[in-house]
N, C-alpha and C. Protein backbone atom coordinates (compact mmCIF):
# COMPACT_ATOMS: atom_id res chain seq x y z
N MET A 1 -111.38 34.21 -67.15
CA MET A 1 -111.69 32.91 -66.59
C MET A 1 -112.03 31.92 -67.69
N GLY A 2 -111.61 30.72 -67.48
CA GLY A 2 -112.03 29.67 -68.38
C GLY A 2 -111.44 29.76 -69.78
N ARG A 3 -110.26 30.27 -69.90
CA ARG A 3 -109.64 30.43 -71.22
C ARG A 3 -108.72 29.25 -71.56
N LEU A 4 -108.85 28.16 -70.89
CA LEU A 4 -107.97 27.02 -71.07
C LEU A 4 -107.94 26.52 -72.51
N PRO A 5 -109.07 26.29 -73.18
CA PRO A 5 -109.01 25.82 -74.57
C PRO A 5 -108.28 26.79 -75.50
N ARG A 6 -108.49 28.08 -75.30
CA ARG A 6 -107.82 29.07 -76.14
C ARG A 6 -106.31 29.05 -75.90
N ILE A 7 -105.90 28.92 -74.66
CA ILE A 7 -104.48 28.85 -74.34
C ILE A 7 -103.85 27.64 -75.01
N LYS A 8 -104.51 26.48 -74.90
CA LYS A 8 -104.00 25.26 -75.52
C LYS A 8 -103.89 25.43 -77.03
N GLN A 9 -104.90 26.00 -77.65
CA GLN A 9 -104.90 26.18 -79.10
C GLN A 9 -103.76 27.10 -79.54
N GLU A 10 -103.55 28.19 -78.84
CA GLU A 10 -102.49 29.12 -79.20
C GLU A 10 -101.12 28.48 -79.06
N LEU A 11 -100.94 27.67 -78.02
CA LEU A 11 -99.66 26.99 -77.85
C LEU A 11 -99.43 25.95 -78.94
N ARG A 12 -100.48 25.24 -79.34
CA ARG A 12 -100.36 24.27 -80.44
C ARG A 12 -100.03 24.98 -81.75
N GLN A 13 -100.60 26.15 -81.97
CA GLN A 13 -100.32 26.90 -83.19
C GLN A 13 -98.87 27.37 -83.24
N LYS A 14 -98.28 27.55 -82.06
CA LYS A 14 -96.88 27.96 -82.00
C LYS A 14 -95.93 26.77 -82.12
N GLY A 15 -96.50 25.56 -82.27
CA GLY A 15 -95.67 24.39 -82.54
C GLY A 15 -95.39 23.50 -81.35
N LEU A 16 -96.00 23.76 -80.21
CA LEU A 16 -95.77 22.91 -79.04
C LEU A 16 -96.62 21.65 -79.14
N ASP A 17 -96.06 20.56 -78.66
CA ASP A 17 -96.76 19.27 -78.65
C ASP A 17 -97.87 19.29 -77.60
N SER A 18 -98.99 18.64 -77.92
CA SER A 18 -100.14 18.61 -77.01
C SER A 18 -99.78 17.99 -75.67
N LEU A 19 -98.95 16.96 -75.68
CA LEU A 19 -98.55 16.30 -74.44
C LEU A 19 -97.75 17.25 -73.55
N VAL A 20 -96.86 18.01 -74.15
CA VAL A 20 -96.06 18.99 -73.40
C VAL A 20 -96.97 20.05 -72.80
N ILE A 21 -97.95 20.50 -73.56
CA ILE A 21 -98.89 21.51 -73.07
C ILE A 21 -99.67 20.98 -71.87
N GLU A 22 -100.19 19.75 -71.99
CA GLU A 22 -100.95 19.14 -70.89
C GLU A 22 -100.10 19.01 -69.63
N GLN A 23 -98.86 18.56 -69.79
CA GLN A 23 -97.98 18.39 -68.62
C GLN A 23 -97.67 19.74 -67.98
N ALA A 24 -97.44 20.75 -68.79
CA ALA A 24 -97.14 22.07 -68.25
C ALA A 24 -98.33 22.64 -67.49
N LEU A 25 -99.52 22.46 -68.03
CA LEU A 25 -100.71 22.98 -67.35
C LEU A 25 -101.01 22.22 -66.07
N GLU A 26 -100.69 20.93 -66.02
CA GLU A 26 -100.88 20.17 -64.79
C GLU A 26 -99.92 20.62 -63.70
N ASP A 27 -98.73 21.10 -64.10
CA ASP A 27 -97.72 21.52 -63.14
C ASP A 27 -97.99 22.91 -62.56
N THR A 28 -98.95 23.64 -63.10
CA THR A 28 -99.25 24.97 -62.58
C THR A 28 -100.03 24.86 -61.27
N ASP A 29 -100.01 25.91 -60.51
CA ASP A 29 -100.71 25.94 -59.22
C ASP A 29 -102.09 26.59 -59.35
N VAL A 30 -102.70 26.49 -60.51
CA VAL A 30 -104.01 27.08 -60.74
C VAL A 30 -105.07 26.15 -60.18
N ASP A 31 -105.99 26.69 -59.41
CA ASP A 31 -107.09 25.91 -58.86
C ASP A 31 -108.28 26.05 -59.80
N TRP A 32 -108.37 25.12 -60.78
CA TRP A 32 -109.42 25.19 -61.80
C TRP A 32 -110.81 25.09 -61.17
N PHE A 33 -110.92 24.31 -60.10
CA PHE A 33 -112.21 24.18 -59.42
C PHE A 33 -112.66 25.53 -58.87
N GLU A 34 -111.76 26.24 -58.23
CA GLU A 34 -112.11 27.53 -57.63
C GLU A 34 -112.53 28.54 -58.70
N ILE A 35 -111.83 28.55 -59.81
CA ILE A 35 -112.16 29.46 -60.91
C ILE A 35 -113.54 29.12 -61.47
N CYS A 36 -113.79 27.82 -61.65
CA CYS A 36 -115.08 27.36 -62.16
C CYS A 36 -116.21 27.70 -61.18
N LEU A 37 -115.97 27.49 -59.90
CA LEU A 37 -116.97 27.78 -58.88
C LEU A 37 -117.34 29.26 -58.87
N LYS A 38 -116.34 30.13 -59.00
CA LYS A 38 -116.61 31.57 -59.02
C LYS A 38 -117.44 31.96 -60.24
N ALA A 39 -117.15 31.33 -61.38
CA ALA A 39 -117.93 31.62 -62.59
C ALA A 39 -119.37 31.15 -62.42
N LYS A 40 -119.55 29.98 -61.82
CA LYS A 40 -120.89 29.44 -61.57
C LYS A 40 -121.66 30.37 -60.63
N GLU A 41 -121.01 30.80 -59.56
CA GLU A 41 -121.67 31.67 -58.59
C GLU A 41 -122.00 33.04 -59.18
N LYS A 42 -121.15 33.52 -60.06
CA LYS A 42 -121.41 34.82 -60.70
C LYS A 42 -122.65 34.75 -61.58
N LYS A 43 -122.82 33.65 -62.30
CA LYS A 43 -123.94 33.51 -63.22
C LYS A 43 -125.21 33.02 -62.53
N PHE A 44 -125.08 32.01 -61.62
CA PHE A 44 -126.25 31.35 -61.05
C PHE A 44 -126.42 31.56 -59.55
N GLY A 45 -125.51 32.27 -58.91
CA GLY A 45 -125.57 32.42 -57.47
C GLY A 45 -125.03 31.17 -56.78
N ASP A 46 -125.17 31.12 -55.47
CA ASP A 46 -124.61 29.97 -54.74
C ASP A 46 -125.63 28.86 -54.52
N ARG A 47 -126.76 28.96 -55.19
CA ARG A 47 -127.80 27.93 -55.01
C ARG A 47 -127.42 26.65 -55.75
N LEU A 48 -127.99 25.55 -55.31
CA LEU A 48 -127.81 24.28 -55.99
C LEU A 48 -128.84 24.16 -57.10
N ALA A 49 -128.54 23.35 -58.09
CA ALA A 49 -129.48 23.13 -59.19
C ALA A 49 -130.72 22.44 -58.66
N ALA A 50 -131.87 22.95 -59.03
CA ALA A 50 -133.14 22.42 -58.53
C ALA A 50 -133.53 21.11 -59.22
N ASP A 51 -133.16 20.98 -60.48
CA ASP A 51 -133.53 19.77 -61.22
C ASP A 51 -132.48 19.48 -62.29
N HIS A 52 -132.72 18.41 -63.03
CA HIS A 52 -131.76 17.98 -64.05
C HIS A 52 -131.57 19.04 -65.13
N ALA A 53 -132.64 19.68 -65.54
CA ALA A 53 -132.56 20.69 -66.59
C ALA A 53 -131.66 21.85 -66.18
N GLU A 54 -131.74 22.24 -64.93
CA GLU A 54 -130.90 23.34 -64.45
C GLU A 54 -129.43 22.92 -64.37
N LYS A 55 -129.18 21.67 -63.99
CA LYS A 55 -127.80 21.15 -63.98
C LYS A 55 -127.22 21.17 -65.39
N VAL A 56 -128.02 20.74 -66.35
CA VAL A 56 -127.57 20.73 -67.75
C VAL A 56 -127.26 22.15 -68.20
N LYS A 57 -128.09 23.10 -67.82
CA LYS A 57 -127.88 24.50 -68.18
C LYS A 57 -126.56 25.02 -67.59
N MET A 58 -126.30 24.68 -66.33
CA MET A 58 -125.06 25.10 -65.68
C MET A 58 -123.84 24.49 -66.37
N VAL A 59 -123.91 23.18 -66.63
CA VAL A 59 -122.80 22.49 -67.28
C VAL A 59 -122.53 23.10 -68.66
N ARG A 60 -123.58 23.31 -69.43
CA ARG A 60 -123.44 23.88 -70.77
C ARG A 60 -122.78 25.27 -70.72
N TYR A 61 -123.22 26.10 -69.77
CA TYR A 61 -122.66 27.44 -69.65
C TYR A 61 -121.17 27.38 -69.29
N LEU A 62 -120.82 26.55 -68.32
CA LEU A 62 -119.43 26.47 -67.89
C LEU A 62 -118.54 25.87 -68.97
N GLN A 63 -119.06 24.92 -69.75
CA GLN A 63 -118.31 24.39 -70.88
C GLN A 63 -118.08 25.48 -71.92
N TYR A 64 -119.12 26.26 -72.18
CA TYR A 64 -119.02 27.36 -73.14
C TYR A 64 -117.93 28.35 -72.71
N CYS A 65 -117.82 28.56 -71.42
CA CYS A 65 -116.80 29.47 -70.89
C CYS A 65 -115.40 28.88 -70.95
N GLY A 66 -115.31 27.57 -71.21
CA GLY A 66 -114.00 26.94 -71.39
C GLY A 66 -113.44 26.25 -70.17
N HIS A 67 -114.25 25.99 -69.18
CA HIS A 67 -113.77 25.32 -67.98
C HIS A 67 -113.61 23.82 -68.24
N PRO A 68 -112.61 23.20 -67.62
CA PRO A 68 -112.43 21.75 -67.79
C PRO A 68 -113.60 20.98 -67.18
N MET A 69 -113.98 19.89 -67.83
CA MET A 69 -115.14 19.11 -67.39
C MET A 69 -114.95 18.58 -65.97
N SER A 70 -113.73 18.21 -65.59
CA SER A 70 -113.51 17.71 -64.24
C SER A 70 -113.87 18.76 -63.19
N ALA A 71 -113.51 20.01 -63.45
CA ALA A 71 -113.84 21.10 -62.52
C ALA A 71 -115.34 21.38 -62.53
N ILE A 72 -115.96 21.29 -63.70
CA ILE A 72 -117.40 21.54 -63.80
C ILE A 72 -118.17 20.52 -62.99
N LEU A 73 -117.85 19.25 -63.17
CA LEU A 73 -118.57 18.20 -62.45
C LEU A 73 -118.37 18.32 -60.94
N GLU A 74 -117.17 18.68 -60.53
CA GLU A 74 -116.90 18.86 -59.10
C GLU A 74 -117.68 20.06 -58.56
N CYS A 75 -117.82 21.08 -59.36
CA CYS A 75 -118.50 22.31 -58.96
C CYS A 75 -120.01 22.13 -58.88
N ILE A 76 -120.58 21.39 -59.82
CA ILE A 76 -122.03 21.24 -59.92
C ILE A 76 -122.56 20.19 -58.95
N PHE A 77 -121.84 19.10 -58.80
CA PHE A 77 -122.35 17.98 -58.00
C PHE A 77 -121.70 17.86 -56.66
C-alpha cells in the first residue's frame, strides 16, 4: 500500500517522462482513497481524530507510507 512515490521514481529512472507517468496513473482504476482509508484504519482504527495534533500525526503517517495528499485529506477530514 502507498507505494506510489516509489513506482513513479522507478519509472522515471527507466526514462519515462513525468507527464506520461502521471497520465498513466490517472487512467488506472485504483481507488487511492480506499487504499489510504484502509491504511489509516489499520494504524489508528476507525475513530476520528480527537484534536489537531492527532490529525497531524495521521497525515504524517500516511504521507510517510506514500499515499497521495488528496487521498489523505479526503480520508482524514
